[in-house]
Amino acid sequence: MMELWKWRLALIIFGLVSCIQQTEGSQRTKQQPKSKTKENVVGATRPRDAKATECVNQVKANEEESASFFRKEIPETEAGKCLLACYLEGKGLIVGGKISSSGAARLAARAYPNNRVKTGNVKHILSHCGTIAGRESNNCEMAYKLADCTTTLSDKFKL
């Protein structure tokens, strides 16, 4: 059951960053929870935008790490964690080696522009998980802990 929680929020938190451009002005639809196995992860993918491509090249992620990143899976390797950190830095969620509360607030507001309750829940999750992840001095570990924490809280807030 815990894996479903983790997967749901992984989809949400990773999707929040990459779906903002696609969801401007419209309510984001709820995604169905999926198993974390490669065979079942088909529908949820991160757009291959310029920042994502830049990070894949910068981190020198191998093919599996890159594919896992675009499937929005929680990274397991150091390169995968650093790839996520690079992407979150590029999207303004990690700034100067710290979780940006203003970046998190912007992200939450854009994710659910017409739903104050969900926006508030996303802000709460990002604030709580930002505090936990913010204890890390390594950006790669910080990004990993942020993703891991947010996935754990997703089911509680039904996001």
N, C-alpha and C. Protein backbone atom coordinates (compact mmCIF):
# COMPACT_ATOMS: atom_id res chain seq x y z
N MET A 1 0.83 -1.19 0.00
CA MET A 1 0.00 0.00 0.00
C MET A 1 0.87 1.25 0.00
N MET A 2 2.00 1.20 0.73
CA MET A 2 2.89 2.36 0.81
C MET A 2 3.44 2.72 -0.57
N GLU A 3 3.70 1.68 -1.40
CA GLU A 3 4.21 1.95 -2.73
C GLU A 3 3.21 2.76 -3.56
N LEU A 4 1.91 2.48 -3.41
CA LEU A 4 0.91 3.25 -4.14
C LEU A 4 0.93 4.71 -3.71
N TRP A 5 1.08 4.96 -2.42
CA TRP A 5 1.14 6.34 -1.92
C TRP A 5 2.34 7.03 -2.52
N LYS A 6 3.46 6.37 -2.47
CA LYS A 6 4.69 6.99 -3.00
C LYS A 6 4.54 7.28 -4.48
N TRP A 7 3.98 6.34 -5.19
CA TRP A 7 3.85 6.52 -6.63
C TRP A 7 2.90 7.67 -6.96
N ARG A 8 1.78 7.75 -6.24
CA ARG A 8 0.82 8.83 -6.50
C ARG A 8 1.46 10.20 -6.35
N LEU A 9 2.12 10.42 -5.25
CA LEU A 9 2.67 11.76 -5.05
C LEU A 9 3.89 12.00 -5.94
N ALA A 10 4.61 10.93 -6.27
CA ALA A 10 5.70 11.10 -7.22
C ALA A 10 5.13 11.63 -8.53
N LEU A 11 4.05 11.03 -8.98
CA LEU A 11 3.40 11.52 -10.20
C LEU A 11 2.97 12.97 -10.04
N ILE A 12 2.41 13.28 -8.88
CA ILE A 12 1.90 14.62 -8.66
C ILE A 12 3.02 15.63 -8.58
N ILE A 13 4.01 15.40 -7.72
CA ILE A 13 5.03 16.41 -7.51
C ILE A 13 5.88 16.60 -8.76
N PHE A 14 6.24 15.48 -9.41
CA PHE A 14 7.01 15.60 -10.63
C PHE A 14 6.15 16.19 -11.74
N GLY A 15 4.88 15.81 -11.75
CA GLY A 15 3.96 16.33 -12.74
C GLY A 15 3.64 17.79 -12.54
N LEU A 16 3.63 18.23 -11.29
CA LEU A 16 3.34 19.64 -11.02
C LEU A 16 4.34 20.53 -11.74
N VAL A 17 5.59 20.17 -11.63
CA VAL A 17 6.63 20.98 -12.24
C VAL A 17 6.52 20.96 -13.75
N SER A 18 6.35 19.78 -14.32
CA SER A 18 6.37 19.69 -15.77
C SER A 18 5.03 19.96 -16.45
N CYS A 19 3.94 19.88 -15.72
CA CYS A 19 2.62 20.07 -16.33
C CYS A 19 2.11 21.50 -16.24
N ILE A 20 2.79 22.35 -15.52
CA ILE A 20 2.30 23.71 -15.33
C ILE A 20 2.06 24.40 -16.67
N GLN A 21 3.00 24.26 -17.58
CA GLN A 21 2.85 24.92 -18.87
C GLN A 21 1.62 24.39 -19.61
N GLN A 22 1.33 23.11 -19.44
CA GLN A 22 0.21 22.50 -20.14
C GLN A 22 -1.12 22.80 -19.47
N THR A 23 -1.11 23.12 -18.18
CA THR A 23 -2.36 23.29 -17.45
C THR A 23 -2.69 24.73 -17.11
N GLU A 24 -1.95 25.69 -17.62
CA GLU A 24 -2.25 27.10 -17.35
C GLU A 24 -3.71 27.37 -17.68
N GLY A 25 -4.44 27.86 -16.70
CA GLY A 25 -5.82 28.25 -16.91
C GLY A 25 -6.83 27.12 -16.89
N SER A 26 -6.38 25.89 -16.65
CA SER A 26 -7.33 24.79 -16.60
C SER A 26 -7.03 23.89 -15.41
N GLN A 27 -8.04 23.23 -14.93
CA GLN A 27 -7.90 22.33 -13.77
C GLN A 27 -7.21 21.05 -14.22
N ARG A 28 -6.21 20.62 -13.46
CA ARG A 28 -5.50 19.38 -13.77
C ARG A 28 -6.36 18.20 -13.36
N THR A 29 -6.41 17.18 -14.19
CA THR A 29 -7.20 16.01 -13.86
C THR A 29 -6.40 15.06 -12.99
N LYS A 30 -7.13 14.32 -12.17
CA LYS A 30 -6.49 13.39 -11.25
C LYS A 30 -6.02 12.16 -12.02
N GLN A 31 -4.77 11.76 -11.78
CA GLN A 31 -4.21 10.60 -12.45
C GLN A 31 -4.48 9.35 -11.62
N GLN A 32 -4.66 8.24 -12.30
CA GLN A 32 -4.86 6.97 -11.62
C GLN A 32 -3.53 6.49 -11.07
N PRO A 33 -3.51 5.94 -9.85
CA PRO A 33 -2.27 5.42 -9.30
C PRO A 33 -1.80 4.24 -10.13
N LYS A 34 -0.50 4.12 -10.30
CA LYS A 34 0.07 3.06 -11.09
C LYS A 34 1.17 2.38 -10.29
N SER A 35 1.39 1.14 -10.61
CA SER A 35 2.50 0.41 -10.01
C SER A 35 3.80 1.03 -10.50
N LYS A 36 4.85 0.86 -9.74
CA LYS A 36 6.13 1.46 -10.10
C LYS A 36 6.92 0.60 -11.07
N THR A 37 6.34 -0.48 -11.57
CA THR A 37 7.06 -1.33 -12.50
C THR A 37 7.09 -0.69 -13.88
N LYS A 38 8.15 -0.99 -14.61
CA LYS A 38 8.34 -0.40 -15.93
C LYS A 38 7.20 -0.76 -16.89
N GLU A 39 6.68 -1.98 -16.77
CA GLU A 39 5.63 -2.43 -17.68
C GLU A 39 4.36 -1.60 -17.53
N ASN A 40 4.07 -1.15 -16.30
CA ASN A 40 2.82 -0.44 -16.04
C ASN A 40 2.92 1.07 -16.13
N VAL A 41 4.11 1.61 -16.21
CA VAL A 41 4.28 3.06 -16.24
C VAL A 41 4.32 3.50 -17.70
N VAL A 42 3.14 3.81 -18.23
CA VAL A 42 3.06 4.19 -19.63
C VAL A 42 2.54 5.61 -19.77
N GLY A 43 1.45 5.94 -19.09
CA GLY A 43 0.76 7.20 -19.28
C GLY A 43 1.44 8.41 -18.70
N ALA A 44 2.12 8.28 -17.59
CA ALA A 44 2.69 9.43 -16.90
C ALA A 44 4.12 9.67 -17.36
N THR A 45 4.28 10.68 -18.18
CA THR A 45 5.63 11.00 -18.63
C THR A 45 5.86 12.49 -18.51
N ARG A 46 7.11 12.83 -18.30
CA ARG A 46 7.52 14.23 -18.20
C ARG A 46 7.83 14.72 -19.62
N PRO A 47 7.40 15.91 -19.95
CA PRO A 47 7.72 16.43 -21.28
C PRO A 47 9.22 16.58 -21.45
N ARG A 48 9.69 16.34 -22.62
CA ARG A 48 11.12 16.47 -22.90
C ARG A 48 11.40 17.92 -23.30
N ASP A 49 11.25 18.80 -22.30
CA ASP A 49 11.50 20.21 -22.55
C ASP A 49 13.00 20.49 -22.54
N ALA A 50 13.36 21.72 -22.85
CA ALA A 50 14.77 22.10 -22.95
C ALA A 50 15.51 21.88 -21.64
N LYS A 51 14.86 22.21 -20.52
CA LYS A 51 15.52 22.05 -19.21
C LYS A 51 15.78 20.59 -18.91
N ALA A 52 14.81 19.73 -19.17
CA ALA A 52 14.98 18.30 -18.92
C ALA A 52 16.12 17.74 -19.76
N THR A 53 16.16 18.10 -21.03
CA THR A 53 17.22 17.64 -21.92
C THR A 53 18.58 18.16 -21.47
N GLU A 54 18.63 19.42 -21.07
CA GLU A 54 19.87 20.02 -20.57
C GLU A 54 20.37 19.26 -19.34
N CYS A 55 19.47 18.92 -18.44
CA CYS A 55 19.86 18.21 -17.22
C CYS A 55 20.35 16.80 -17.52
N VAL A 56 19.69 16.11 -18.43
CA VAL A 56 20.13 14.76 -18.82
C VAL A 56 21.56 14.82 -19.33
N ASN A 57 21.85 15.80 -20.16
CA ASN A 57 23.21 15.95 -20.71
C ASN A 57 24.21 16.40 -19.65
N GLN A 58 23.81 17.32 -18.79
CA GLN A 58 24.70 17.85 -17.75
C GLN A 58 25.10 16.77 -16.75
N VAL A 59 24.14 15.96 -16.34
CA VAL A 59 24.39 14.93 -15.33
C VAL A 59 25.03 13.69 -15.96
N LYS A 60 24.92 13.57 -17.27
CA LYS A 60 25.42 12.41 -18.01
C LYS A 60 24.71 11.13 -17.54
N ALA A 61 23.39 11.25 -17.43
CA ALA A 61 22.58 10.11 -17.01
C ALA A 61 22.58 9.04 -18.11
N ASN A 62 22.63 7.78 -17.68
CA ASN A 62 22.58 6.71 -18.68
C ASN A 62 21.14 6.56 -19.18
N GLU A 63 20.96 5.66 -20.12
CA GLU A 63 19.65 5.52 -20.77
C GLU A 63 18.54 5.14 -19.78
N GLU A 64 18.82 4.22 -18.87
CA GLU A 64 17.81 3.79 -17.89
C GLU A 64 17.47 4.91 -16.91
N GLU A 65 18.48 5.64 -16.44
CA GLU A 65 18.23 6.75 -15.52
C GLU A 65 17.40 7.84 -16.20
N SER A 66 17.74 8.09 -17.43
CA SER A 66 17.01 9.09 -18.21
C SER A 66 15.56 8.65 -18.44
N ALA A 67 15.37 7.40 -18.81
CA ALA A 67 14.02 6.88 -19.04
C ALA A 67 13.21 6.91 -17.74
N SER A 68 13.83 6.54 -16.63
CA SER A 68 13.16 6.56 -15.33
C SER A 68 12.74 7.99 -14.97
N PHE A 69 13.61 8.95 -15.24
CA PHE A 69 13.31 10.36 -14.99
C PHE A 69 12.09 10.80 -15.80
N PHE A 70 12.05 10.47 -17.07
CA PHE A 70 10.93 10.88 -17.91
C PHE A 70 9.64 10.13 -17.57
N ARG A 71 9.77 8.96 -16.91
CA ARG A 71 8.58 8.24 -16.43
C ARG A 71 8.13 8.76 -15.07
N LYS A 72 8.85 9.73 -14.52
CA LYS A 72 8.53 10.37 -13.23
C LYS A 72 8.66 9.41 -12.06
N GLU A 73 9.62 8.51 -12.12
CA GLU A 73 9.88 7.60 -11.02
C GLU A 73 10.83 8.25 -10.03
N ILE A 74 10.72 7.85 -8.77
CA ILE A 74 11.65 8.34 -7.76
C ILE A 74 13.01 7.73 -8.08
N PRO A 75 14.04 8.55 -8.19
CA PRO A 75 15.35 8.03 -8.59
C PRO A 75 15.97 7.13 -7.52
N GLU A 76 16.73 6.15 -7.99
CA GLU A 76 17.42 5.25 -7.08
C GLU A 76 18.93 5.41 -7.15
N THR A 77 19.44 5.89 -8.26
CA THR A 77 20.89 6.05 -8.41
C THR A 77 21.30 7.48 -8.10
N GLU A 78 22.58 7.67 -7.85
CA GLU A 78 23.09 9.01 -7.58
C GLU A 78 22.87 9.93 -8.78
N ALA A 79 23.14 9.41 -9.99
CA ALA A 79 22.93 10.22 -11.19
C ALA A 79 21.45 10.56 -11.36
N GLY A 80 20.57 9.63 -11.05
CA GLY A 80 19.13 9.89 -11.13
C GLY A 80 18.70 10.97 -10.15
N LYS A 81 19.25 10.92 -8.94
CA LYS A 81 18.94 11.93 -7.93
C LYS A 81 19.44 13.30 -8.37
N CYS A 82 20.64 13.32 -8.95
CA CYS A 82 21.21 14.60 -9.41
C CYS A 82 20.46 15.13 -10.62
N LEU A 83 19.95 14.24 -11.45
CA LEU A 83 19.13 14.65 -12.59
C LEU A 83 17.86 15.35 -12.09
N LEU A 84 17.22 14.77 -11.09
CA LEU A 84 16.03 15.38 -10.50
C LEU A 84 16.37 16.72 -9.86
N ALA A 85 17.49 16.79 -9.15
CA ALA A 85 17.91 18.04 -8.51
C ALA A 85 18.13 19.13 -9.55
N CYS A 86 18.80 18.79 -10.63
CA CYS A 86 19.04 19.75 -11.71
C CYS A 86 17.71 20.28 -12.25
N TYR A 87 16.77 19.38 -12.47
CA TYR A 87 15.47 19.77 -13.02
C TYR A 87 14.70 20.67 -12.06
N LEU A 88 14.71 20.31 -10.77
CA LEU A 88 13.99 21.12 -9.78
C LEU A 88 14.64 22.49 -9.59
N GLU A 89 15.96 22.54 -9.74
CA GLU A 89 16.65 23.84 -9.70
C GLU A 89 16.22 24.69 -10.88
N GLY A 90 16.16 24.08 -12.04
CA GLY A 90 15.75 24.79 -13.25
C GLY A 90 14.32 25.29 -13.19
N LYS A 91 13.48 24.61 -12.44
CA LYS A 91 12.08 25.00 -12.31
C LYS A 91 11.83 25.90 -11.10
N GLY A 92 12.90 26.24 -10.36
CA GLY A 92 12.77 27.19 -9.26
C GLY A 92 12.34 26.62 -7.93
N LEU A 93 12.30 25.30 -7.80
CA LEU A 93 11.92 24.69 -6.53
C LEU A 93 13.11 24.58 -5.58
N ILE A 94 14.30 24.41 -6.14
CA ILE A 94 15.53 24.44 -5.35
C ILE A 94 16.33 25.64 -5.82
N VAL A 95 16.64 26.54 -4.88
CA VAL A 95 17.38 27.76 -5.21
C VAL A 95 18.50 27.93 -4.20
N GLY A 96 19.73 28.06 -4.68
CA GLY A 96 20.86 28.28 -3.79
C GLY A 96 21.06 27.16 -2.78
N GLY A 97 20.78 25.93 -3.18
CA GLY A 97 20.96 24.80 -2.29
C GLY A 97 19.89 24.64 -1.23
N LYS A 98 18.76 25.35 -1.39
CA LYS A 98 17.66 25.26 -0.42
C LYS A 98 16.34 25.14 -1.17
N ILE A 99 15.36 24.57 -0.48
CA ILE A 99 14.02 24.52 -1.04
C ILE A 99 13.46 25.93 -1.01
N SER A 100 12.97 26.42 -2.14
CA SER A 100 12.43 27.76 -2.24
C SER A 100 10.94 27.76 -1.87
N SER A 101 10.60 28.45 -0.78
CA SER A 101 9.19 28.51 -0.39
C SER A 101 8.37 29.28 -1.42
N SER A 102 8.96 30.32 -2.00
CA SER A 102 8.23 31.07 -3.03
C SER A 102 8.07 30.24 -4.30
N GLY A 103 9.10 29.46 -4.64
CA GLY A 103 8.99 28.56 -5.79
C GLY A 103 7.93 27.49 -5.55
N ALA A 104 7.87 26.98 -4.33
CA ALA A 104 6.86 25.98 -3.98
C ALA A 104 5.46 26.58 -4.04
N ALA A 105 5.31 27.81 -3.56
CA ALA A 105 4.00 28.47 -3.58
C ALA A 105 3.54 28.71 -5.02
N ARG A 106 4.46 29.14 -5.89
CA ARG A 106 4.11 29.35 -7.31
C ARG A 106 3.70 28.03 -7.95
N LEU A 107 4.44 26.99 -7.64
CA LEU A 107 4.16 25.67 -8.19
C LEU A 107 2.77 25.20 -7.76
N ALA A 108 2.46 25.34 -6.48
CA ALA A 108 1.16 24.91 -5.96
C ALA A 108 0.02 25.70 -6.59
N ALA A 109 0.19 27.00 -6.72
CA ALA A 109 -0.86 27.86 -7.29
C ALA A 109 -1.11 27.53 -8.76
N ARG A 110 -0.07 27.22 -9.49
CA ARG A 110 -0.23 26.90 -10.91
C ARG A 110 -0.80 25.50 -11.13
N ALA A 111 -0.53 24.59 -10.20
CA ALA A 111 -0.99 23.21 -10.37
C ALA A 111 -2.50 23.11 -10.30
N TYR A 112 -3.11 23.82 -9.38
CA TYR A 112 -4.56 23.78 -9.18
C TYR A 112 -5.09 25.21 -9.10
N PRO A 113 -5.12 25.93 -10.22
CA PRO A 113 -5.47 27.35 -10.19
C PRO A 113 -6.90 27.64 -9.71
N ASN A 114 -7.80 26.69 -9.84
CA ASN A 114 -9.19 26.94 -9.46
C ASN A 114 -9.62 26.14 -8.24
N ASN A 115 -8.66 25.63 -7.48
CA ASN A 115 -9.01 24.81 -6.33
C ASN A 115 -8.14 25.19 -5.14
N ARG A 116 -8.68 26.04 -4.27
CA ARG A 116 -7.91 26.53 -3.12
C ARG A 116 -7.54 25.42 -2.15
N VAL A 117 -8.41 24.46 -1.98
CA VAL A 117 -8.13 23.37 -1.04
C VAL A 117 -6.92 22.56 -1.51
N LYS A 118 -6.93 22.15 -2.78
CA LYS A 118 -5.80 21.38 -3.30
C LYS A 118 -4.53 22.22 -3.33
N THR A 119 -4.65 23.49 -3.68
CA THR A 119 -3.49 24.38 -3.67
C THR A 119 -2.91 24.45 -2.26
N GLY A 120 -3.78 24.58 -1.27
CA GLY A 120 -3.34 24.62 0.12
C GLY A 120 -2.68 23.33 0.55
N ASN A 121 -3.24 22.20 0.11
CA ASN A 121 -2.65 20.91 0.44
C ASN A 121 -1.27 20.74 -0.18
N VAL A 122 -1.13 21.16 -1.43
CA VAL A 122 0.18 21.08 -2.08
C VAL A 122 1.18 21.97 -1.35
N LYS A 123 0.77 23.18 -0.98
CA LYS A 123 1.66 24.07 -0.23
C LYS A 123 2.08 23.44 1.09
N HIS A 124 1.12 22.83 1.79
CA HIS A 124 1.42 22.19 3.06
C HIS A 124 2.43 21.04 2.86
N ILE A 125 2.19 20.21 1.89
CA ILE A 125 3.09 19.08 1.61
C ILE A 125 4.48 19.58 1.27
N LEU A 126 4.56 20.57 0.39
CA LEU A 126 5.87 21.10 -0.01
C LEU A 126 6.58 21.77 1.15
N SER A 127 5.83 22.44 2.01
CA SER A 127 6.43 23.08 3.18
C SER A 127 6.99 22.03 4.14
N HIS A 128 6.17 21.03 4.44
CA HIS A 128 6.59 19.97 5.36
C HIS A 128 7.78 19.20 4.80
N CYS A 129 7.65 18.77 3.56
CA CYS A 129 8.72 17.98 2.95
C CYS A 129 9.96 18.83 2.68
N GLY A 130 9.75 20.11 2.40
CA GLY A 130 10.89 21.01 2.22
C GLY A 130 11.71 21.14 3.48
N THR A 131 11.04 21.13 4.63
CA THR A 131 11.75 21.18 5.91
C THR A 131 12.58 19.92 6.12
N ILE A 132 11.99 18.78 5.82
CA ILE A 132 12.70 17.51 5.98
C ILE A 132 13.86 17.41 4.98
N ALA A 133 13.57 17.68 3.72
CA ALA A 133 14.61 17.57 2.69
C ALA A 133 15.67 18.65 2.85
N GLY A 134 15.27 19.80 3.38
CA GLY A 134 16.19 20.93 3.55
C GLY A 134 17.31 20.67 4.52
N ARG A 135 17.22 19.61 5.29
CA ARG A 135 18.29 19.25 6.22
C ARG A 135 19.51 18.70 5.49
N GLU A 136 19.32 18.34 4.24
CA GLU A 136 20.41 17.80 3.43
C GLU A 136 21.25 18.93 2.84
N SER A 137 22.54 18.77 2.86
CA SER A 137 23.41 19.78 2.25
C SER A 137 23.71 19.44 0.79
N ASN A 138 23.50 18.20 0.41
CA ASN A 138 23.73 17.74 -0.95
C ASN A 138 22.44 17.90 -1.75
N ASN A 139 22.47 18.68 -2.82
CA ASN A 139 21.26 18.94 -3.62
C ASN A 139 20.62 17.67 -4.18
N CYS A 140 21.46 16.70 -4.53
CA CYS A 140 20.92 15.46 -5.10
C CYS A 140 20.11 14.70 -4.06
N GLU A 141 20.64 14.59 -2.85
CA GLU A 141 19.92 13.93 -1.76
C GLU A 141 18.69 14.74 -1.36
N MET A 142 18.82 16.06 -1.40
CA MET A 142 17.69 16.93 -1.07
C MET A 142 16.53 16.67 -2.03
N ALA A 143 16.81 16.61 -3.32
CA ALA A 143 15.77 16.37 -4.32
C ALA A 143 15.14 15.00 -4.11
N TYR A 144 15.98 14.01 -3.82
CA TYR A 144 15.47 12.65 -3.58
C TYR A 144 14.55 12.63 -2.35
N LYS A 145 14.99 13.23 -1.26
CA LYS A 145 14.18 13.23 -0.03
C LYS A 145 12.89 14.02 -0.22
N LEU A 146 12.94 15.09 -1.00
CA LEU A 146 11.74 15.85 -1.29
C LEU A 146 10.74 14.97 -2.04
N ALA A 147 11.22 14.27 -3.06
CA ALA A 147 10.35 13.39 -3.84
C ALA A 147 9.80 12.25 -2.99
N ASP A 148 10.66 11.65 -2.18
CA ASP A 148 10.24 10.53 -1.33
C ASP A 148 9.19 10.98 -0.31
N CYS A 149 9.42 12.11 0.32
CA CYS A 149 8.49 12.64 1.33
C CYS A 149 7.15 13.00 0.70
N THR A 150 7.18 13.67 -0.42
CA THR A 150 5.93 14.10 -1.04
C THR A 150 5.10 12.92 -1.51
N THR A 151 5.76 11.86 -1.96
CA THR A 151 5.00 10.68 -2.37
C THR A 151 4.31 10.02 -1.18
N THR A 152 4.96 10.06 -0.03
CA THR A 152 4.39 9.47 1.17
C THR A 152 3.13 10.20 1.62
N LEU A 153 3.07 11.50 1.44
CA LEU A 153 1.93 12.30 1.90
C LEU A 153 0.78 12.40 0.91
N SER A 154 0.97 11.96 -0.31
CA SER A 154 -0.05 12.17 -1.34
C SER A 154 -1.41 11.57 -1.02
N ASP A 155 -1.43 10.36 -0.53
CA ASP A 155 -2.71 9.71 -0.28
C ASP A 155 -3.50 10.39 0.83
N LYS A 156 -2.79 10.91 1.81
CA LYS A 156 -3.47 11.59 2.91
C LYS A 156 -4.27 12.80 2.43
N PHE A 157 -3.77 13.45 1.38
CA PHE A 157 -4.42 14.64 0.85
C PHE A 157 -5.21 14.36 -0.42
N LYS A 158 -5.23 13.09 -0.83
CA LYS A 158 -5.98 12.66 -2.02
C LYS A 158 -5.67 13.52 -3.25
N LEU A 159 -4.39 13.70 -3.48
CA LEU A 159 -3.95 14.47 -4.65
C LEU A 159 -3.60 13.54 -5.79
